[in-house]
Amino acid sequence: MKRLLVLMSFFLFIGTLPAFAADAPLISKDELKAKIGTTGISILDVRSGRDWSSSEFKIKGAIRASGKDYDKWSKDYSRDQTLVLYCA
């Protein structure tokens, strides 16, 4: 149930970013669960401030990445890598 809430929040986040929403494929919780820990995928928690620090809902292995600093951290990943961004 907790993961479902996180992924639902992710889908809501993507829906609020029209520039990215048209190009970003969606992933189900089961698909993500199967890919956690595999090569070529990075899970990024893009929640800000207190939303991130006070949350008990975090995906194991996710990397903290500020959404507003996308231009900085996005250069750390190759174009071949799959990035999954989520927020809650």
N, C-alpha and C. Protein backbone atom coordinates (compact mmCIF):
# COMPACT_ATOMS: atom_id res chain seq x y z
N MET A 1 0.82 -1.19 0.00
CA MET A 1 0.00 0.00 0.00
C MET A 1 0.87 1.26 0.00
N LYS A 2 1.96 1.23 0.79
CA LYS A 2 2.83 2.41 0.86
C LYS A 2 3.45 2.70 -0.50
N ARG A 3 3.91 1.65 -1.17
CA ARG A 3 4.53 1.85 -2.48
C ARG A 3 3.52 2.36 -3.49
N LEU A 4 2.31 1.88 -3.36
CA LEU A 4 1.26 2.34 -4.27
C LEU A 4 1.06 3.85 -4.11
N LEU A 5 1.06 4.32 -2.87
CA LEU A 5 0.90 5.76 -2.63
C LEU A 5 2.06 6.54 -3.22
N VAL A 6 3.27 6.02 -3.07
CA VAL A 6 4.44 6.69 -3.62
C VAL A 6 4.35 6.76 -5.14
N LEU A 7 4.00 5.66 -5.75
CA LEU A 7 3.92 5.65 -7.21
C LEU A 7 2.77 6.50 -7.72
N MET A 8 1.67 6.52 -6.98
CA MET A 8 0.56 7.39 -7.38
C MET A 8 1.01 8.84 -7.33
N SER A 9 1.78 9.18 -6.30
CA SER A 9 2.30 10.54 -6.20
C SER A 9 3.24 10.85 -7.36
N PHE A 10 4.03 9.85 -7.74
CA PHE A 10 4.92 10.01 -8.89
C PHE A 10 4.12 10.35 -10.14
N PHE A 11 3.05 9.61 -10.36
CA PHE A 11 2.24 9.85 -11.55
C PHE A 11 1.61 11.24 -11.51
N LEU A 12 1.22 11.68 -10.33
CA LEU A 12 0.66 13.03 -10.19
C LEU A 12 1.73 14.07 -10.49
N PHE A 13 2.95 13.83 -10.02
CA PHE A 13 4.06 14.74 -10.26
C PHE A 13 4.33 14.86 -11.75
N ILE A 14 4.40 13.74 -12.42
CA ILE A 14 4.66 13.76 -13.86
C ILE A 14 3.53 14.51 -14.58
N GLY A 15 2.31 14.36 -14.12
CA GLY A 15 1.18 15.03 -14.74
C GLY A 15 1.23 16.54 -14.61
N THR A 16 1.97 17.03 -13.62
CA THR A 16 2.07 18.47 -13.43
C THR A 16 3.19 19.10 -14.24
N LEU A 17 3.96 18.28 -14.93
CA LEU A 17 5.06 18.79 -15.73
C LEU A 17 4.79 18.52 -17.21
N PRO A 18 3.98 19.35 -17.83
CA PRO A 18 3.60 19.11 -19.22
C PRO A 18 4.78 18.93 -20.16
N ALA A 19 5.86 19.64 -19.93
CA ALA A 19 7.02 19.53 -20.81
C ALA A 19 7.60 18.13 -20.79
N PHE A 20 7.54 17.48 -19.63
CA PHE A 20 8.09 16.14 -19.50
C PHE A 20 7.04 15.07 -19.70
N ALA A 21 5.81 15.36 -19.37
CA ALA A 21 4.75 14.34 -19.38
C ALA A 21 4.55 13.72 -20.75
N ALA A 22 4.67 14.48 -21.79
CA ALA A 22 4.44 13.95 -23.13
C ALA A 22 5.53 12.95 -23.53
N ASP A 23 6.73 13.12 -23.01
CA ASP A 23 7.86 12.28 -23.40
C ASP A 23 8.18 11.19 -22.38
N ALA A 24 7.67 11.29 -21.18
CA ALA A 24 8.05 10.37 -20.11
C ALA A 24 7.08 9.19 -20.03
N PRO A 25 7.59 7.98 -20.24
CA PRO A 25 6.72 6.81 -20.09
C PRO A 25 6.43 6.57 -18.61
N LEU A 26 5.31 5.97 -18.34
CA LEU A 26 4.95 5.65 -16.96
C LEU A 26 5.33 4.21 -16.68
N ILE A 27 5.58 3.93 -15.40
CA ILE A 27 5.94 2.59 -14.97
C ILE A 27 5.04 2.20 -13.81
N SER A 28 4.59 0.98 -13.81
CA SER A 28 3.73 0.52 -12.72
C SER A 28 4.59 0.14 -11.52
N LYS A 29 3.96 0.02 -10.37
CA LYS A 29 4.71 -0.35 -9.17
C LYS A 29 5.32 -1.74 -9.33
N ASP A 30 4.64 -2.65 -10.00
CA ASP A 30 5.18 -4.00 -10.18
C ASP A 30 6.37 -3.99 -11.14
N GLU A 31 6.30 -3.18 -12.17
CA GLU A 31 7.42 -3.06 -13.10
C GLU A 31 8.64 -2.47 -12.40
N LEU A 32 8.41 -1.44 -11.60
CA LEU A 32 9.50 -0.82 -10.87
C LEU A 32 10.09 -1.80 -9.86
N LYS A 33 9.23 -2.49 -9.15
CA LYS A 33 9.67 -3.46 -8.15
C LYS A 33 10.60 -4.50 -8.78
N ALA A 34 10.26 -4.95 -9.98
CA ALA A 34 11.07 -5.95 -10.67
C ALA A 34 12.42 -5.39 -11.13
N LYS A 35 12.52 -4.08 -11.31
CA LYS A 35 13.74 -3.47 -11.82
C LYS A 35 14.67 -2.93 -10.74
N ILE A 36 14.17 -2.81 -9.52
CA ILE A 36 15.00 -2.26 -8.44
C ILE A 36 16.24 -3.14 -8.28
N GLY A 37 17.38 -2.49 -8.27
CA GLY A 37 18.64 -3.19 -8.09
C GLY A 37 19.28 -3.69 -9.37
N THR A 38 18.63 -3.48 -10.51
CA THR A 38 19.23 -3.91 -11.77
C THR A 38 20.12 -2.82 -12.34
N THR A 39 21.00 -3.22 -13.23
CA THR A 39 21.91 -2.27 -13.87
C THR A 39 21.14 -1.39 -14.85
N GLY A 40 21.52 -0.12 -14.89
CA GLY A 40 20.95 0.78 -15.88
C GLY A 40 19.71 1.53 -15.43
N ILE A 41 19.32 1.39 -14.17
CA ILE A 41 18.16 2.12 -13.67
C ILE A 41 18.54 2.85 -12.38
N SER A 42 18.13 4.09 -12.29
CA SER A 42 18.34 4.88 -11.08
C SER A 42 17.01 5.47 -10.66
N ILE A 43 16.71 5.34 -9.39
CA ILE A 43 15.46 5.86 -8.85
C ILE A 43 15.80 7.13 -8.09
N LEU A 44 15.17 8.23 -8.49
CA LEU A 44 15.46 9.54 -7.92
C LEU A 44 14.26 10.06 -7.16
N ASP A 45 14.48 10.40 -5.92
CA ASP A 45 13.45 11.00 -5.07
C ASP A 45 13.57 12.51 -5.22
N VAL A 46 12.62 13.13 -5.89
CA VAL A 46 12.71 14.57 -6.19
C VAL A 46 11.84 15.43 -5.27
N ARG A 47 11.45 14.86 -4.14
CA ARG A 47 10.68 15.68 -3.19
C ARG A 47 11.57 16.77 -2.63
N SER A 48 10.95 17.86 -2.22
CA SER A 48 11.72 18.97 -1.69
C SER A 48 11.52 19.15 -0.20
N GLY A 49 12.50 19.78 0.41
CA GLY A 49 12.46 20.19 1.80
C GLY A 49 11.88 19.19 2.76
N ARG A 50 10.91 19.66 3.50
CA ARG A 50 10.30 18.86 4.56
C ARG A 50 9.54 17.65 4.01
N ASP A 51 9.01 17.75 2.81
CA ASP A 51 8.32 16.61 2.20
C ASP A 51 9.25 15.40 2.14
N TRP A 52 10.51 15.66 1.85
CA TRP A 52 11.47 14.58 1.77
C TRP A 52 11.99 14.18 3.15
N SER A 53 12.42 15.14 3.92
CA SER A 53 13.08 14.84 5.19
C SER A 53 12.15 14.21 6.22
N SER A 54 10.88 14.55 6.20
CA SER A 54 9.97 14.03 7.22
C SER A 54 9.19 12.80 6.77
N SER A 55 9.40 12.36 5.55
CA SER A 55 8.62 11.24 5.03
C SER A 55 9.15 9.89 5.51
N GLU A 56 8.24 9.01 5.85
CA GLU A 56 8.61 7.64 6.18
C GLU A 56 8.53 6.75 4.94
N PHE A 57 8.06 7.29 3.83
CA PHE A 57 7.90 6.54 2.59
C PHE A 57 9.05 6.87 1.64
N LYS A 58 10.03 5.99 1.62
CA LYS A 58 11.17 6.16 0.73
C LYS A 58 11.46 4.82 0.08
N ILE A 59 11.74 4.85 -1.20
CA ILE A 59 12.07 3.63 -1.91
C ILE A 59 13.53 3.30 -1.62
N LYS A 60 13.76 2.07 -1.19
CA LYS A 60 15.11 1.64 -0.84
C LYS A 60 16.02 1.78 -2.06
N GLY A 61 17.15 2.42 -1.86
CA GLY A 61 18.11 2.61 -2.94
C GLY A 61 17.90 3.87 -3.75
N ALA A 62 16.81 4.60 -3.48
CA ALA A 62 16.56 5.84 -4.23
C ALA A 62 17.60 6.90 -3.86
N ILE A 63 17.89 7.73 -4.82
CA ILE A 63 18.87 8.80 -4.65
C ILE A 63 18.11 10.12 -4.52
N ARG A 64 18.49 10.92 -3.58
CA ARG A 64 17.87 12.24 -3.39
C ARG A 64 18.35 13.18 -4.48
N ALA A 65 17.43 13.81 -5.18
CA ALA A 65 17.76 14.75 -6.25
C ALA A 65 16.74 15.88 -6.25
N SER A 66 17.20 17.07 -6.07
CA SER A 66 16.30 18.23 -6.05
C SER A 66 15.77 18.49 -7.45
N GLY A 67 14.44 18.57 -7.57
CA GLY A 67 13.82 18.85 -8.86
C GLY A 67 14.27 20.17 -9.46
N LYS A 68 14.49 21.15 -8.61
CA LYS A 68 14.89 22.46 -9.12
C LYS A 68 16.34 22.50 -9.60
N ASP A 69 17.14 21.48 -9.22
CA ASP A 69 18.53 21.41 -9.65
C ASP A 69 18.74 20.40 -10.77
N TYR A 70 17.69 20.12 -11.52
CA TYR A 70 17.74 19.13 -12.61
C TYR A 70 18.93 19.37 -13.54
N ASP A 71 19.16 20.61 -13.92
CA ASP A 71 20.25 20.91 -14.86
C ASP A 71 21.61 20.48 -14.33
N LYS A 72 21.77 20.47 -13.02
CA LYS A 72 23.05 20.07 -12.43
C LYS A 72 23.19 18.55 -12.36
N TRP A 73 22.23 17.87 -11.75
CA TRP A 73 22.40 16.43 -11.53
C TRP A 73 22.09 15.59 -12.76
N SER A 74 21.33 16.10 -13.70
CA SER A 74 20.99 15.30 -14.88
C SER A 74 22.24 14.97 -15.72
N LYS A 75 23.26 15.77 -15.61
CA LYS A 75 24.50 15.53 -16.36
C LYS A 75 25.28 14.34 -15.81
N ASP A 76 24.90 13.86 -14.62
CA ASP A 76 25.59 12.73 -14.00
C ASP A 76 25.13 11.38 -14.56
N TYR A 77 24.13 11.39 -15.41
CA TYR A 77 23.56 10.15 -15.93
C TYR A 77 23.70 10.09 -17.44
N SER A 78 23.99 8.89 -17.94
CA SER A 78 24.12 8.73 -19.39
C SER A 78 22.74 8.67 -20.03
N ARG A 79 22.69 8.88 -21.31
CA ARG A 79 21.42 8.84 -22.04
C ARG A 79 20.86 7.42 -22.10
N ASP A 80 21.70 6.43 -21.89
CA ASP A 80 21.27 5.04 -21.91
C ASP A 80 20.65 4.59 -20.60
N GLN A 81 20.83 5.37 -19.57
CA GLN A 81 20.33 5.01 -18.25
C GLN A 81 18.86 5.38 -18.11
N THR A 82 18.12 4.52 -17.44
CA THR A 82 16.71 4.78 -17.16
C THR A 82 16.60 5.48 -15.82
N LEU A 83 15.95 6.64 -15.81
CA LEU A 83 15.74 7.38 -14.57
C LEU A 83 14.27 7.31 -14.21
N VAL A 84 13.99 6.96 -12.96
CA VAL A 84 12.62 6.95 -12.44
C VAL A 84 12.58 8.04 -11.37
N LEU A 85 11.78 9.06 -11.62
CA LEU A 85 11.63 10.15 -10.66
C LEU A 85 10.31 9.95 -9.91
N TYR A 86 10.37 10.18 -8.60
CA TYR A 86 9.13 10.09 -7.84
C TYR A 86 9.12 11.13 -6.73
N CYS A 87 7.91 11.46 -6.31
CA CYS A 87 7.70 12.36 -5.18
C CYS A 87 6.41 11.93 -4.48
N ALA A 88 6.22 12.40 -3.28
CA ALA A 88 5.00 12.04 -2.54
C ALA A 88 4.49 13.25 -1.80
